[in-house]
Amino acid sequence: MHVDPVGGGEVTPLLEDELRALYERYRMAGTDIEIESPTHVALVVEMDVCVTREALRTTVERGIRRALSTRDHADGTRGLFHPDRFSFGDPVHLSRIVAAAQQVPGVHSIVVTRFGRLDLPTASGLATGTLPLGRLEIARLESDRNHPDRGRLVLRMLGGR
């Protein structure tokens, strides 16, 4: 059994024990229960962002990173790549990424130059606008410099102040 814990992350020993206890009474004799964490697929997204004349590039960049983040925000909103927004086999649609970034004040236009899996550089979703994932895979785009293997968001900010 593959488990997608709320809030993302790995299956902890405590969660595994709780699940085993829960499923033990339903287990057929002679079968084992295997509990595994999901397979996370790191994405790479690169965009050229044209900023309006009156906006600050750094403010717009911060806004886009916030919109595409993995966090819950103080105002109650959630970043597009929050772990609970994706589950097993959910495809990643480029239109959702562009729409979230486009809503940031100060964005004039966006051109996506790369959209794919970090582990398969040849697998690109630019032509179709969708990255399909396997049935046990979950998309991840943390864009954390300390963990580049968890996805990468590259923004080239053009225009603005």
N, C-alpha and C. Protein backbone atom coordinates (compact mmCIF):
# COMPACT_ATOMS: atom_id res chain seq x y z
N MET A 1 0.85 -1.16 0.00
CA MET A 1 0.00 0.00 0.00
C MET A 1 0.91 1.24 0.00
N HIS A 2 0.60 2.16 -0.87
CA HIS A 2 1.32 3.43 -0.90
C HIS A 2 0.46 4.46 -0.18
N VAL A 3 1.11 5.31 0.60
CA VAL A 3 0.40 6.27 1.44
C VAL A 3 0.89 7.68 1.12
N ASP A 4 -0.06 8.60 0.94
CA ASP A 4 0.23 10.01 0.70
C ASP A 4 -0.17 10.77 1.97
N PRO A 5 0.78 10.97 2.91
CA PRO A 5 0.43 11.63 4.17
C PRO A 5 -0.05 13.08 3.96
N VAL A 6 -0.98 13.50 4.77
CA VAL A 6 -1.46 14.89 4.73
C VAL A 6 -0.27 15.79 5.00
N GLY A 7 -0.12 16.83 4.20
CA GLY A 7 1.00 17.75 4.36
C GLY A 7 2.26 17.29 3.67
N GLY A 8 2.20 16.16 2.98
CA GLY A 8 3.36 15.64 2.25
C GLY A 8 4.33 14.92 3.16
N GLY A 9 5.49 14.64 2.63
CA GLY A 9 6.52 13.99 3.41
C GLY A 9 6.49 12.48 3.29
N GLU A 10 7.25 11.87 4.14
CA GLU A 10 7.41 10.42 4.13
C GLU A 10 6.52 9.77 5.17
N VAL A 11 6.35 8.48 5.04
CA VAL A 11 5.59 7.71 6.02
C VAL A 11 6.50 7.50 7.24
N THR A 12 6.09 8.03 8.38
CA THR A 12 6.87 7.90 9.61
C THR A 12 6.61 6.53 10.24
N PRO A 13 7.51 6.07 11.10
CA PRO A 13 7.26 4.80 11.80
C PRO A 13 5.95 4.82 12.60
N LEU A 14 5.62 5.95 13.21
CA LEU A 14 4.37 6.06 13.97
C LEU A 14 3.16 5.90 13.06
N LEU A 15 3.16 6.57 11.90
CA LEU A 15 2.06 6.45 10.95
C LEU A 15 1.96 5.02 10.42
N GLU A 16 3.10 4.42 10.15
CA GLU A 16 3.11 3.04 9.67
C GLU A 16 2.49 2.10 10.70
N ASP A 17 2.84 2.26 11.97
CA ASP A 17 2.26 1.43 13.04
C ASP A 17 0.75 1.62 13.12
N GLU A 18 0.28 2.88 13.02
CA GLU A 18 -1.16 3.16 13.09
C GLU A 18 -1.90 2.51 11.91
N LEU A 19 -1.32 2.60 10.73
CA LEU A 19 -1.96 2.01 9.55
C LEU A 19 -1.99 0.49 9.63
N ARG A 20 -0.89 -0.09 10.10
CA ARG A 20 -0.87 -1.55 10.25
C ARG A 20 -1.96 -2.01 11.22
N ALA A 21 -2.11 -1.30 12.32
CA ALA A 21 -3.13 -1.66 13.31
C ALA A 21 -4.53 -1.52 12.70
N LEU A 22 -4.73 -0.48 11.92
CA LEU A 22 -6.03 -0.24 11.30
C LEU A 22 -6.39 -1.34 10.29
N TYR A 23 -5.42 -1.72 9.45
CA TYR A 23 -5.69 -2.68 8.39
C TYR A 23 -5.54 -4.13 8.81
N GLU A 24 -4.98 -4.38 9.96
CA GLU A 24 -4.75 -5.75 10.42
C GLU A 24 -6.05 -6.54 10.51
N ARG A 25 -7.10 -5.92 10.98
CA ARG A 25 -8.35 -6.66 11.14
C ARG A 25 -9.02 -6.98 9.80
N TYR A 26 -8.62 -6.31 8.72
CA TYR A 26 -9.18 -6.57 7.39
C TYR A 26 -8.27 -7.45 6.53
N ARG A 27 -7.09 -7.71 7.01
CA ARG A 27 -6.09 -8.45 6.23
C ARG A 27 -6.51 -9.91 6.07
N MET A 28 -6.36 -10.41 4.86
CA MET A 28 -6.66 -11.82 4.62
C MET A 28 -5.50 -12.65 5.15
N ALA A 29 -5.81 -13.82 5.69
CA ALA A 29 -4.78 -14.73 6.20
C ALA A 29 -3.80 -15.06 5.08
N GLY A 30 -2.52 -15.05 5.41
CA GLY A 30 -1.50 -15.40 4.43
C GLY A 30 -1.01 -14.24 3.59
N THR A 31 -1.53 -13.04 3.81
CA THR A 31 -1.06 -11.87 3.06
C THR A 31 -0.34 -10.92 3.99
N ASP A 32 0.58 -10.19 3.43
CA ASP A 32 1.34 -9.20 4.19
C ASP A 32 0.86 -7.80 3.83
N ILE A 33 1.09 -6.89 4.74
CA ILE A 33 0.78 -5.48 4.49
C ILE A 33 2.11 -4.76 4.31
N GLU A 34 2.31 -4.17 3.14
CA GLU A 34 3.49 -3.36 2.86
C GLU A 34 3.06 -1.91 2.76
N ILE A 35 3.70 -1.04 3.52
CA ILE A 35 3.36 0.38 3.52
C ILE A 35 4.57 1.15 3.03
N GLU A 36 4.37 1.94 1.97
CA GLU A 36 5.47 2.70 1.37
C GLU A 36 5.10 4.16 1.18
N SER A 37 6.13 4.98 1.18
CA SER A 37 5.96 6.40 0.89
C SER A 37 5.75 6.58 -0.61
N PRO A 38 5.17 7.71 -1.01
CA PRO A 38 5.00 7.96 -2.44
C PRO A 38 6.33 8.23 -3.13
N THR A 39 6.33 8.10 -4.43
CA THR A 39 7.49 8.46 -5.23
C THR A 39 7.28 9.90 -5.68
N HIS A 40 8.11 10.80 -5.17
CA HIS A 40 7.99 12.21 -5.56
C HIS A 40 8.78 12.47 -6.83
N VAL A 41 8.18 13.21 -7.73
CA VAL A 41 8.80 13.56 -9.00
C VAL A 41 9.11 15.06 -8.97
N ALA A 42 10.40 15.37 -8.97
CA ALA A 42 10.82 16.78 -8.97
C ALA A 42 10.63 17.37 -10.36
N LEU A 43 10.06 18.56 -10.40
CA LEU A 43 9.82 19.26 -11.65
C LEU A 43 10.83 20.38 -11.85
N VAL A 44 10.98 20.79 -13.08
CA VAL A 44 11.76 21.97 -13.40
C VAL A 44 10.88 22.87 -14.27
N VAL A 45 10.73 24.12 -13.83
CA VAL A 45 9.95 25.10 -14.57
C VAL A 45 10.82 26.35 -14.71
N GLU A 46 10.98 26.78 -15.94
CA GLU A 46 11.74 28.00 -16.21
C GLU A 46 10.85 28.95 -16.99
N MET A 47 10.82 30.22 -16.54
CA MET A 47 9.95 31.23 -17.16
C MET A 47 10.68 32.54 -17.36
N ASP A 48 10.35 33.18 -18.47
CA ASP A 48 10.73 34.57 -18.68
C ASP A 48 9.50 35.39 -18.30
N VAL A 49 9.66 36.28 -17.33
CA VAL A 49 8.53 37.08 -16.83
C VAL A 49 8.75 38.53 -17.21
N CYS A 50 7.84 39.07 -17.98
CA CYS A 50 7.89 40.49 -18.35
C CYS A 50 7.10 41.26 -17.29
N VAL A 51 7.78 42.16 -16.62
CA VAL A 51 7.19 42.93 -15.52
C VAL A 51 6.71 44.28 -16.06
N THR A 52 5.56 44.74 -15.57
CA THR A 52 5.05 46.04 -16.00
C THR A 52 6.02 47.15 -15.61
N ARG A 53 5.93 48.26 -16.31
CA ARG A 53 6.87 49.37 -16.15
C ARG A 53 6.94 49.91 -14.73
N GLU A 54 5.79 49.97 -14.04
CA GLU A 54 5.77 50.59 -12.70
C GLU A 54 6.09 49.62 -11.56
N ALA A 55 6.19 48.33 -11.84
CA ALA A 55 6.39 47.33 -10.78
C ALA A 55 7.88 47.05 -10.53
N LEU A 56 8.17 46.65 -9.31
CA LEU A 56 9.54 46.25 -8.95
C LEU A 56 9.74 44.77 -9.27
N ARG A 57 10.81 44.48 -10.00
CA ARG A 57 11.08 43.08 -10.37
C ARG A 57 11.16 42.17 -9.15
N THR A 58 11.83 42.62 -8.09
CA THR A 58 12.00 41.76 -6.91
C THR A 58 10.67 41.47 -6.23
N THR A 59 9.78 42.45 -6.20
CA THR A 59 8.46 42.25 -5.58
C THR A 59 7.64 41.26 -6.40
N VAL A 60 7.69 41.39 -7.71
CA VAL A 60 6.95 40.47 -8.58
C VAL A 60 7.52 39.06 -8.47
N GLU A 61 8.83 38.95 -8.45
CA GLU A 61 9.45 37.62 -8.32
C GLU A 61 9.04 36.96 -7.00
N ARG A 62 9.07 37.72 -5.93
CA ARG A 62 8.64 37.19 -4.62
C ARG A 62 7.19 36.72 -4.68
N GLY A 63 6.34 37.49 -5.37
CA GLY A 63 4.93 37.13 -5.49
C GLY A 63 4.73 35.84 -6.27
N ILE A 64 5.48 35.67 -7.33
CA ILE A 64 5.37 34.44 -8.13
C ILE A 64 5.86 33.24 -7.33
N ARG A 65 6.98 33.40 -6.65
CA ARG A 65 7.50 32.29 -5.83
C ARG A 65 6.50 31.92 -4.73
N ARG A 66 5.83 32.91 -4.18
CA ARG A 66 4.81 32.65 -3.15
C ARG A 66 3.62 31.91 -3.75
N ALA A 67 3.17 32.35 -4.93
CA ALA A 67 2.01 31.73 -5.57
C ALA A 67 2.28 30.27 -5.95
N LEU A 68 3.52 29.95 -6.28
CA LEU A 68 3.88 28.60 -6.70
C LEU A 68 4.53 27.79 -5.59
N SER A 69 4.49 28.30 -4.38
CA SER A 69 5.19 27.66 -3.26
C SER A 69 4.50 26.38 -2.77
N THR A 70 5.12 25.78 -1.79
CA THR A 70 4.60 24.56 -1.16
C THR A 70 3.97 24.87 0.20
N ARG A 71 3.76 26.13 0.50
CA ARG A 71 3.36 26.54 1.85
C ARG A 71 1.90 26.95 1.98
N ASP A 72 1.42 26.88 3.24
CA ASP A 72 0.18 27.53 3.63
C ASP A 72 0.56 28.95 4.01
N HIS A 73 -0.18 29.94 3.55
CA HIS A 73 0.15 31.33 3.83
C HIS A 73 -0.72 31.88 4.95
N ALA A 74 -0.25 32.95 5.58
CA ALA A 74 -0.95 33.55 6.73
C ALA A 74 -2.36 34.01 6.38
N ASP A 75 -2.59 34.38 5.11
CA ASP A 75 -3.92 34.86 4.72
C ASP A 75 -4.88 33.72 4.40
N GLY A 76 -4.45 32.48 4.61
CA GLY A 76 -5.32 31.33 4.39
C GLY A 76 -5.19 30.70 3.02
N THR A 77 -4.43 31.33 2.12
CA THR A 77 -4.23 30.75 0.80
C THR A 77 -3.13 29.70 0.87
N ARG A 78 -3.06 28.93 -0.18
CA ARG A 78 -2.08 27.84 -0.26
C ARG A 78 -1.34 27.96 -1.58
N GLY A 79 -0.03 27.76 -1.54
CA GLY A 79 0.75 27.78 -2.77
C GLY A 79 0.31 26.66 -3.70
N LEU A 80 0.48 26.87 -5.00
CA LEU A 80 0.04 25.90 -6.00
C LEU A 80 0.66 24.53 -5.78
N PHE A 81 1.89 24.46 -5.32
CA PHE A 81 2.57 23.18 -5.14
C PHE A 81 2.57 22.70 -3.70
N HIS A 82 1.59 23.16 -2.92
CA HIS A 82 1.42 22.61 -1.57
C HIS A 82 1.22 21.09 -1.72
N PRO A 83 1.84 20.29 -0.84
CA PRO A 83 1.75 18.82 -0.99
C PRO A 83 0.33 18.26 -1.03
N ASP A 84 -0.63 18.93 -0.45
CA ASP A 84 -1.99 18.41 -0.44
C ASP A 84 -2.79 18.75 -1.70
N ARG A 85 -2.19 19.50 -2.62
CA ARG A 85 -2.88 19.83 -3.87
C ARG A 85 -2.68 18.75 -4.94
N PHE A 86 -1.69 17.90 -4.75
CA PHE A 86 -1.40 16.83 -5.70
C PHE A 86 -1.41 15.50 -4.98
N SER A 87 -1.87 14.46 -5.67
CA SER A 87 -1.84 13.11 -5.11
C SER A 87 -1.37 12.15 -6.19
N PHE A 88 -1.44 10.88 -5.93
CA PHE A 88 -0.93 9.86 -6.83
C PHE A 88 -1.46 10.02 -8.25
N GLY A 89 -0.52 10.10 -9.19
CA GLY A 89 -0.87 10.09 -10.60
C GLY A 89 -1.48 11.36 -11.15
N ASP A 90 -1.64 12.40 -10.32
CA ASP A 90 -2.20 13.66 -10.82
C ASP A 90 -1.25 14.29 -11.84
N PRO A 91 -1.72 14.54 -13.06
CA PRO A 91 -0.86 15.21 -14.02
C PRO A 91 -0.67 16.68 -13.63
N VAL A 92 0.40 17.26 -14.11
CA VAL A 92 0.68 18.67 -13.85
C VAL A 92 0.37 19.44 -15.13
N HIS A 93 -0.53 20.42 -15.01
CA HIS A 93 -0.95 21.21 -16.17
C HIS A 93 -0.22 22.56 -16.15
N LEU A 94 0.44 22.85 -17.23
CA LEU A 94 1.17 24.11 -17.36
C LEU A 94 0.25 25.31 -17.22
N SER A 95 -0.97 25.19 -17.70
CA SER A 95 -1.91 26.32 -17.64
C SER A 95 -2.17 26.76 -16.20
N ARG A 96 -2.21 25.82 -15.26
CA ARG A 96 -2.43 26.18 -13.85
C ARG A 96 -1.24 26.96 -13.29
N ILE A 97 -0.03 26.59 -13.71
CA ILE A 97 1.18 27.27 -13.25
C ILE A 97 1.21 28.69 -13.80
N VAL A 98 0.95 28.83 -15.09
CA VAL A 98 0.97 30.15 -15.72
C VAL A 98 -0.14 31.02 -15.14
N ALA A 99 -1.32 30.46 -14.93
CA ALA A 99 -2.45 31.24 -14.38
C ALA A 99 -2.12 31.75 -12.98
N ALA A 100 -1.50 30.91 -12.15
CA ALA A 100 -1.14 31.33 -10.79
C ALA A 100 -0.11 32.45 -10.83
N ALA A 101 0.87 32.33 -11.71
CA ALA A 101 1.91 33.36 -11.82
C ALA A 101 1.35 34.64 -12.44
N GLN A 102 0.46 34.49 -13.40
CA GLN A 102 -0.11 35.64 -14.10
C GLN A 102 -0.97 36.51 -13.17
N GLN A 103 -1.50 35.94 -12.10
CA GLN A 103 -2.34 36.70 -11.18
C GLN A 103 -1.56 37.60 -10.23
N VAL A 104 -0.24 37.46 -10.21
CA VAL A 104 0.58 38.29 -9.35
C VAL A 104 0.59 39.71 -9.91
N PRO A 105 0.28 40.71 -9.08
CA PRO A 105 0.30 42.10 -9.56
C PRO A 105 1.68 42.47 -10.10
N GLY A 106 1.69 43.13 -11.25
CA GLY A 106 2.94 43.56 -11.87
C GLY A 106 3.43 42.65 -12.98
N VAL A 107 2.75 41.52 -13.18
CA VAL A 107 3.13 40.61 -14.27
C VAL A 107 2.43 41.07 -15.54
N HIS A 108 3.22 41.34 -16.57
CA HIS A 108 2.65 41.73 -17.86
C HIS A 108 2.43 40.49 -18.73
N SER A 109 3.46 39.66 -18.84
CA SER A 109 3.34 38.44 -19.63
C SER A 109 4.37 37.42 -19.17
N ILE A 110 4.12 36.17 -19.55
CA ILE A 110 5.01 35.07 -19.16
C ILE A 110 5.25 34.19 -20.38
N VAL A 111 6.50 33.80 -20.56
CA VAL A 111 6.86 32.81 -21.57
C VAL A 111 7.57 31.68 -20.84
N VAL A 112 7.01 30.48 -20.90
CA VAL A 112 7.62 29.32 -20.26
C VAL A 112 8.63 28.73 -21.24
N THR A 113 9.88 28.60 -20.79
CA THR A 113 10.94 28.09 -21.65
C THR A 113 11.30 26.64 -21.34
N ARG A 114 10.91 26.17 -20.16
CA ARG A 114 11.17 24.77 -19.81
C ARG A 114 10.12 24.30 -18.82
N PHE A 115 9.60 23.10 -19.06
CA PHE A 115 8.58 22.50 -18.21
C PHE A 115 8.72 20.99 -18.33
N GLY A 116 9.28 20.39 -17.29
CA GLY A 116 9.50 18.96 -17.38
C GLY A 116 9.88 18.35 -16.05
N ARG A 117 10.30 17.10 -16.13
CA ARG A 117 10.76 16.35 -14.97
C ARG A 117 12.24 16.62 -14.79
N LEU A 118 12.68 16.80 -13.56
CA LEU A 118 14.09 17.04 -13.29
C LEU A 118 14.92 15.80 -13.59
N ASP A 119 14.36 14.62 -13.33
CA ASP A 119 15.09 13.37 -13.53
C ASP A 119 15.14 12.91 -14.98
N LEU A 120 14.28 13.45 -15.83
CA LEU A 120 14.26 13.09 -17.25
C LEU A 120 14.29 14.37 -18.09
N PRO A 121 15.47 14.92 -18.33
CA PRO A 121 15.55 16.19 -19.06
C PRO A 121 14.89 16.17 -20.43
N THR A 122 14.78 15.00 -21.03
CA THR A 122 14.17 14.93 -22.36
C THR A 122 12.65 14.93 -22.30
N ALA A 123 12.09 14.62 -21.12
CA ALA A 123 10.63 14.61 -20.98
C ALA A 123 10.15 16.04 -20.77
N SER A 124 9.54 16.60 -21.79
CA SER A 124 9.07 17.97 -21.71
C SER A 124 7.56 18.01 -21.90
N GLY A 125 6.93 18.89 -21.15
CA GLY A 125 5.50 19.07 -21.29
C GLY A 125 5.14 20.33 -22.04
N LEU A 126 6.14 21.01 -22.63
CA LEU A 126 5.87 22.27 -23.32
C LEU A 126 4.94 22.07 -24.52
N ALA A 127 5.14 21.02 -25.28
CA ALA A 127 4.34 20.81 -26.49
C ALA A 127 2.88 20.52 -26.16
N THR A 128 2.64 19.73 -25.12
CA THR A 128 1.26 19.32 -24.79
C THR A 128 0.65 20.16 -23.68
N GLY A 129 1.49 20.83 -22.88
CA GLY A 129 0.98 21.61 -21.76
C GLY A 129 0.67 20.77 -20.54
N THR A 130 1.02 19.49 -20.59
CA THR A 130 0.74 18.58 -19.48
C THR A 130 1.90 17.63 -19.26
N LEU A 131 2.22 17.40 -17.99
CA LEU A 131 3.20 16.38 -17.64
C LEU A 131 2.46 15.22 -16.98
N PRO A 132 2.35 14.10 -17.66
CA PRO A 132 1.69 12.95 -17.03
C PRO A 132 2.62 12.32 -15.99
N LEU A 133 2.04 11.78 -14.94
CA LEU A 133 2.81 11.09 -13.91
C LEU A 133 2.30 9.67 -13.78
N GLY A 134 3.18 8.80 -13.31
CA GLY A 134 2.80 7.41 -13.08
C GLY A 134 1.82 7.31 -11.93
N ARG A 135 1.15 6.17 -11.81
CA ARG A 135 0.09 6.01 -10.82
C ARG A 135 0.58 6.10 -9.38
N LEU A 136 1.87 5.92 -9.13
CA LEU A 136 2.40 6.00 -7.77
C LEU A 136 3.30 7.22 -7.57
N GLU A 137 3.26 8.16 -8.51
CA GLU A 137 4.11 9.35 -8.46
C GLU A 137 3.29 10.58 -8.07
N ILE A 138 3.97 11.51 -7.36
CA ILE A 138 3.36 12.78 -6.95
C ILE A 138 4.33 13.90 -7.32
N ALA A 139 3.81 14.95 -7.95
CA ALA A 139 4.63 16.08 -8.39
C ALA A 139 5.16 16.87 -7.20
N ARG A 140 6.37 17.42 -7.38
CA ARG A 140 7.00 18.22 -6.33
C ARG A 140 7.78 19.35 -6.99
N LEU A 141 7.58 20.58 -6.48
CA LEU A 141 8.35 21.75 -6.95
C LEU A 141 8.60 22.64 -5.73
N GLU A 142 9.62 22.28 -4.96
CA GLU A 142 9.91 23.05 -3.74
C GLU A 142 10.79 24.26 -4.01
N SER A 143 11.62 24.19 -5.03
CA SER A 143 12.53 25.28 -5.38
C SER A 143 13.32 25.77 -4.16
N ASP A 144 13.91 24.82 -3.46
CA ASP A 144 14.70 25.09 -2.26
C ASP A 144 16.18 24.92 -2.61
N ARG A 145 16.97 25.98 -2.44
CA ARG A 145 18.40 25.92 -2.78
C ARG A 145 19.14 24.84 -1.99
N ASN A 146 18.65 24.53 -0.79
CA ASN A 146 19.30 23.49 0.02
C ASN A 146 18.93 22.08 -0.44
N HIS A 147 17.87 21.96 -1.23
CA HIS A 147 17.41 20.66 -1.73
C HIS A 147 17.06 20.78 -3.22
N PRO A 148 18.06 20.96 -4.09
CA PRO A 148 17.77 21.13 -5.51
C PRO A 148 17.12 19.90 -6.14
N ASP A 149 17.20 18.76 -5.49
CA ASP A 149 16.61 17.52 -6.01
C ASP A 149 15.10 17.47 -5.81
N ARG A 150 14.52 18.48 -5.17
CA ARG A 150 13.08 18.52 -4.92
C ARG A 150 12.35 19.46 -5.87
N GLY A 151 12.97 19.78 -6.97
CA GLY A 151 12.34 20.64 -7.97
C GLY A 151 12.99 22.00 -8.04
N ARG A 152 12.88 22.61 -9.24
CA ARG A 152 13.55 23.89 -9.45
C ARG A 152 12.66 24.83 -10.24
N LEU A 153 12.52 26.04 -9.72
CA LEU A 153 11.79 27.12 -10.40
C LEU A 153 12.80 28.21 -10.75
N VAL A 154 12.95 28.47 -12.03
CA VAL A 154 13.89 29.49 -12.50
C VAL A 154 13.08 30.62 -13.12
N LEU A 155 13.24 31.82 -12.58
CA LEU A 155 12.52 33.00 -13.09
C LEU A 155 13.52 34.00 -13.63
N ARG A 156 13.35 34.39 -14.89
CA ARG A 156 14.15 35.46 -15.48
C ARG A 156 13.23 36.67 -15.57
N MET A 157 13.52 37.67 -14.77
CA MET A 157 12.66 38.84 -14.68
C MET A 157 13.13 39.89 -15.68
N LEU A 158 12.22 40.34 -16.52
CA LEU A 158 12.53 41.32 -17.56
C LEU A 158 11.64 42.54 -17.40
N GLY A 159 12.20 43.70 -17.65
CA GLY A 159 11.42 44.94 -17.55
C GLY A 159 11.27 45.41 -16.12
N GLY A 160 10.24 46.18 -15.88
CA GLY A 160 9.99 46.71 -14.54
C GLY A 160 11.07 47.65 -14.07
N ARG A 161 11.10 47.84 -12.75
CA ARG A 161 12.13 48.70 -12.17
C ARG A 161 13.07 47.90 -11.32
